[in-house]
């Protein structure tokens, strides 16, 4: 008869089960969508919208986007009480925390361009 994971875990000493559960929680927390993060922090879209000064429907669209400006993501994370860090990972190298991308707050206020300017030329 096959044994389930629950059966196997139940046979482990209590301290070992706690370490496994803590490690599993850490791994789960490493990857979350914005929606999952908001829910984990116990916030509603209405509360986040109020904090950001936008409508609830805009928060829903933000949480569904696959691509957004770093300044937008930074503002969302800060309003949630966090701090955004960008890390680049390469094979055979330690992770590198990116800095010097410009002052995100200045860029968000229009002090620096967040997107490259168009050359005015059109493609044919």
C-alpha atoms as a PDB file:
ATOM      1  CA  UNK A   1       0.000   0.000   0.000  1.00  0.00           C
ATOM      2  CA  UNK A   2       1.356   3.428  -0.943  1.00  0.00           C
ATOM      3  CA  UNK A   3       2.133   5.964   1.769  1.00  0.00           C
ATOM      4  CA  UNK A   4       1.211   9.602   1.381  1.00  0.00           C
ATOM      5  CA  UNK A   5       3.487  12.535   2.046  1.00  0.00           C
ATOM      6  CA  UNK A   6       1.317  13.405   5.050  1.00  0.00           C
ATOM      7  CA  UNK A   7       1.917   9.916   6.475  1.00  0.00           C
ATOM      8  CA  UNK A   8       5.665  10.237   6.000  1.00  0.00           C
ATOM      9  CA  UNK A   9       5.762  13.723   7.551  1.00  0.00           C
ATOM     10  CA  UNK A  10       3.718  12.532  10.517  1.00  0.00           C
ATOM     11  CA  UNK A  11       6.431   9.970  11.313  1.00  0.00           C
ATOM     12  CA  UNK A  12       9.168  12.632  11.535  1.00  0.00           C
ATOM     13  CA  UNK A  13      10.187  14.194  14.853  1.00  0.00           C
ATOM     14  CA  UNK A  14       8.322  17.439  15.648  1.00  0.00           C
ATOM     15  CA  UNK A  15      11.451  19.628  15.352  1.00  0.00           C
ATOM     16  CA  UNK A  16      12.225  18.185  11.912  1.00  0.00           C
ATOM     17  CA  UNK A  17       8.641  18.802  10.703  1.00  0.00           C
ATOM     18  CA  UNK A  18       8.865  22.422  11.900  1.00  0.00           C
ATOM     19  CA  UNK A  19      12.131  22.963   9.981  1.00  0.00           C
ATOM     20  CA  UNK A  20      10.597  21.455   6.832  1.00  0.00           C
ATOM     21  CA  UNK A  21       7.472  23.622   7.139  1.00  0.00           C
ATOM     22  CA  UNK A  22       9.548  26.762   7.732  1.00  0.00           C
ATOM     23  CA  UNK A  23      11.720  26.031   4.698  1.00  0.00           C
ATOM     24  CA  UNK A  24       8.649  25.317   2.564  1.00  0.00           C
ATOM     25  CA  UNK A  25       7.141  28.656   3.636  1.00  0.00           C
ATOM     26  CA  UNK A  26      10.350  30.450   2.646  1.00  0.00           C
ATOM     27  CA  UNK A  27      10.351  28.820  -0.781  1.00  0.00           C
ATOM     28  CA  UNK A  28       6.697  29.659  -1.353  1.00  0.00           C
ATOM     29  CA  UNK A  29       7.305  33.270  -0.277  1.00  0.00           C
ATOM     30  CA  UNK A  30      10.149  33.658  -2.789  1.00  0.00           C
ATOM     31  CA  UNK A  31       7.696  33.726  -5.692  1.00  0.00           C
ATOM     32  CA  UNK A  32       4.431  35.589  -5.524  1.00  0.00           C
ATOM     33  CA  UNK A  33       2.375  37.570  -7.950  1.00  0.00           C
ATOM     34  CA  UNK A  34       1.426  41.111  -6.940  1.00  0.00           C
ATOM     35  CA  UNK A  35      -2.092  39.840  -6.196  1.00  0.00           C
ATOM     36  CA  UNK A  36      -0.757  37.056  -3.960  1.00  0.00           C
ATOM     37  CA  UNK A  37       1.587  39.508  -2.234  1.00  0.00           C
ATOM     38  CA  UNK A  38      -1.269  41.946  -1.576  1.00  0.00           C
ATOM     39  CA  UNK A  39      -3.434  39.164  -0.168  1.00  0.00           C
ATOM     40  CA  UNK A  40      -0.575  37.822   1.993  1.00  0.00           C
ATOM     41  CA  UNK A  41      -0.236  41.318   3.476  1.00  0.00           C
ATOM     42  CA  UNK A  42      -3.949  41.325   4.266  1.00  0.00           C
ATOM     43  CA  UNK A  43      -4.779  44.248   1.979  1.00  0.00           C
ATOM     44  CA  UNK A  44      -7.714  44.699  -0.344  1.00  0.00           C
ATOM     45  CA  UNK A  45      -7.559  46.202  -3.823  1.00  0.00           C
ATOM     46  CA  UNK A  46      -9.690  49.071  -2.481  1.00  0.00           C
ATOM     47  CA  UNK A  47      -7.121  49.836   0.270  1.00  0.00           C
ATOM     48  CA  UNK A  48      -4.178  49.654  -2.152  1.00  0.00           C
ATOM     49  CA  UNK A  49      -6.061  51.855  -4.636  1.00  0.00           C
ATOM     50  CA  UNK A  50      -6.699  54.465  -1.936  1.00  0.00           C
ATOM     51  CA  UNK A  51      -3.020  54.426  -0.883  1.00  0.00           C
ATOM     52  CA  UNK A  52      -1.885  54.825  -4.503  1.00  0.00           C
ATOM     53  CA  UNK A  53      -4.517  57.440  -5.310  1.00  0.00           C
ATOM     54  CA  UNK A  54      -6.019  55.380  -8.130  1.00  0.00           C
ATOM     55  CA  UNK A  55      -9.228  53.403  -8.659  1.00  0.00           C
ATOM     56  CA  UNK A  56      -9.724  49.793  -7.620  1.00  0.00           C
ATOM     57  CA  UNK A  57     -10.082  48.769 -11.273  1.00  0.00           C
ATOM     58  CA  UNK A  58      -6.612  50.230 -11.961  1.00  0.00           C
ATOM     59  CA  UNK A  59      -5.142  48.067  -9.175  1.00  0.00           C
ATOM     60  CA  UNK A  60      -6.801  45.018 -10.734  1.00  0.00           C
ATOM     61  CA  UNK A  61      -5.238  45.874 -14.115  1.00  0.00           C
ATOM     62  CA  UNK A  62      -1.839  46.485 -12.482  1.00  0.00           C
ATOM     63  CA  UNK A  63      -1.929  43.103 -10.773  1.00  0.00           C
ATOM     64  CA  UNK A  64      -2.776  41.410 -14.067  1.00  0.00           C
ATOM     65  CA  UNK A  65      -0.014  43.024 -16.120  1.00  0.00           C
ATOM     66  CA  UNK A  66       2.953  40.997 -17.283  1.00  0.00           C
ATOM     67  CA  UNK A  67       5.003  44.122 -18.064  1.00  0.00           C
ATOM     68  CA  UNK A  68       5.229  47.483 -16.301  1.00  0.00           C
ATOM     69  CA  UNK A  69       7.617  50.323 -15.584  1.00  0.00           C
ATOM     70  CA  UNK A  70      10.035  49.765 -12.723  1.00  0.00           C
ATOM     71  CA  UNK A  71       8.823  53.039 -11.174  1.00  0.00           C
ATOM     72  CA  UNK A  72       5.233  51.733 -11.131  1.00  0.00           C
ATOM     73  CA  UNK A  73       6.293  48.481  -9.481  1.00  0.00           C
ATOM     74  CA  UNK A  74       8.480  50.401  -7.008  1.00  0.00           C
ATOM     75  CA  UNK A  75       5.558  52.633  -6.009  1.00  0.00           C
ATOM     76  CA  UNK A  76       3.224  49.628  -5.562  1.00  0.00           C
ATOM     77  CA  UNK A  77       5.793  47.826  -3.375  1.00  0.00           C
ATOM     78  CA  UNK A  78       6.508  50.965  -1.290  1.00  0.00           C
ATOM     79  CA  UNK A  79       2.787  51.543  -0.687  1.00  0.00           C
ATOM     80  CA  UNK A  80       2.609  47.933   0.529  1.00  0.00           C
ATOM     81  CA  UNK A  81       5.386  48.736   3.025  1.00  0.00           C
ATOM     82  CA  UNK A  82       8.249  47.093   1.168  1.00  0.00           C
ATOM     83  CA  UNK A  83      11.359  48.023  -0.758  1.00  0.00           C
ATOM     84  CA  UNK A  84      12.057  46.941  -4.341  1.00  0.00           C
ATOM     85  CA  UNK A  85      15.457  45.422  -5.133  1.00  0.00           C
ATOM     86  CA  UNK A  86      16.516  44.204  -8.557  1.00  0.00           C
ATOM     87  CA  UNK A  87      18.857  41.230  -8.719  1.00  0.00           C
ATOM     88  CA  UNK A  88      20.481  39.828 -11.861  1.00  0.00           C
ATOM     89  CA  UNK A  89      21.500  36.167 -11.877  1.00  0.00           C
ATOM     90  CA  UNK A  90      24.023  34.720 -14.317  1.00  0.00           C
ATOM     91  CA  UNK A  91      25.426  31.213 -14.689  1.00  0.00           C
ATOM     92  CA  UNK A  92      28.661  30.650 -12.784  1.00  0.00           C
ATOM     93  CA  UNK A  93      28.431  33.996 -10.944  1.00  0.00           C
ATOM     94  CA  UNK A  94      27.017  35.181  -7.672  1.00  0.00           C
ATOM     95  CA  UNK A  95      23.782  37.205  -7.942  1.00  0.00           C
ATOM     96  CA  UNK A  96      24.306  40.925  -8.565  1.00  0.00           C
ATOM     97  CA  UNK A  97      22.061  43.537  -6.951  1.00  0.00           C
ATOM     98  CA  UNK A  98      21.476  46.215  -9.593  1.00  0.00           C
ATOM     99  CA  UNK A  99      21.942  49.847  -8.714  1.00  0.00           C
ATOM    100  CA  UNK A 100      22.503  53.013 -10.680  1.00  0.00           C
ATOM    101  CA  UNK A 101      19.387  52.632 -12.798  1.00  0.00           C
ATOM    102  CA  UNK A 102      18.652  56.234 -11.974  1.00  0.00           C
ATOM    103  CA  UNK A 103      16.704  57.591  -9.070  1.00  0.00           C
ATOM    104  CA  UNK A 104      13.403  55.765  -9.431  1.00  0.00           C
ATOM    105  CA  UNK A 105      11.506  58.467  -7.536  1.00  0.00           C
ATOM    106  CA  UNK A 106      12.977  61.197  -9.743  1.00  0.00           C
ATOM    107  CA  UNK A 107      12.083  59.216 -12.851  1.00  0.00           C
ATOM    108  CA  UNK A 108       8.555  58.698 -11.578  1.00  0.00           C
ATOM    109  CA  UNK A 109       8.148  62.449 -11.068  1.00  0.00           C
ATOM    110  CA  UNK A 110       9.395  63.229 -14.571  1.00  0.00           C
ATOM    111  CA  UNK A 111      12.925  64.274 -13.611  1.00  0.00           C
ATOM    112  CA  UNK A 112      14.476  61.563 -15.746  1.00  0.00           C
ATOM    113  CA  UNK A 113      13.121  59.739 -18.756  1.00  0.00           C
ATOM    114  CA  UNK A 114      11.850  56.292 -17.959  1.00  0.00           C
ATOM    115  CA  UNK A 115      11.590  55.354 -21.666  1.00  0.00           C
ATOM    116  CA  UNK A 116      13.884  56.162 -24.583  1.00  0.00           C
ATOM    117  CA  UNK A 117      12.752  58.954 -26.863  1.00  0.00           C
ATOM    118  CA  UNK A 118      11.423  58.114 -30.276  1.00  0.00           C
ATOM    119  CA  UNK A 119      13.710  59.162 -33.112  1.00  0.00           C
ATOM    120  CA  UNK A 120      10.702  60.411 -35.028  1.00  0.00           C
ATOM    121  CA  UNK A 121      11.479  58.038 -37.875  1.00  0.00           C
ATOM    122  CA  UNK A 122       8.962  55.491 -38.989  1.00  0.00           C
ATOM    123  CA  UNK A 123       9.777  52.004 -40.170  1.00  0.00           C
ATOM    124  CA  UNK A 124       8.763  50.945 -43.635  1.00  0.00           C
END
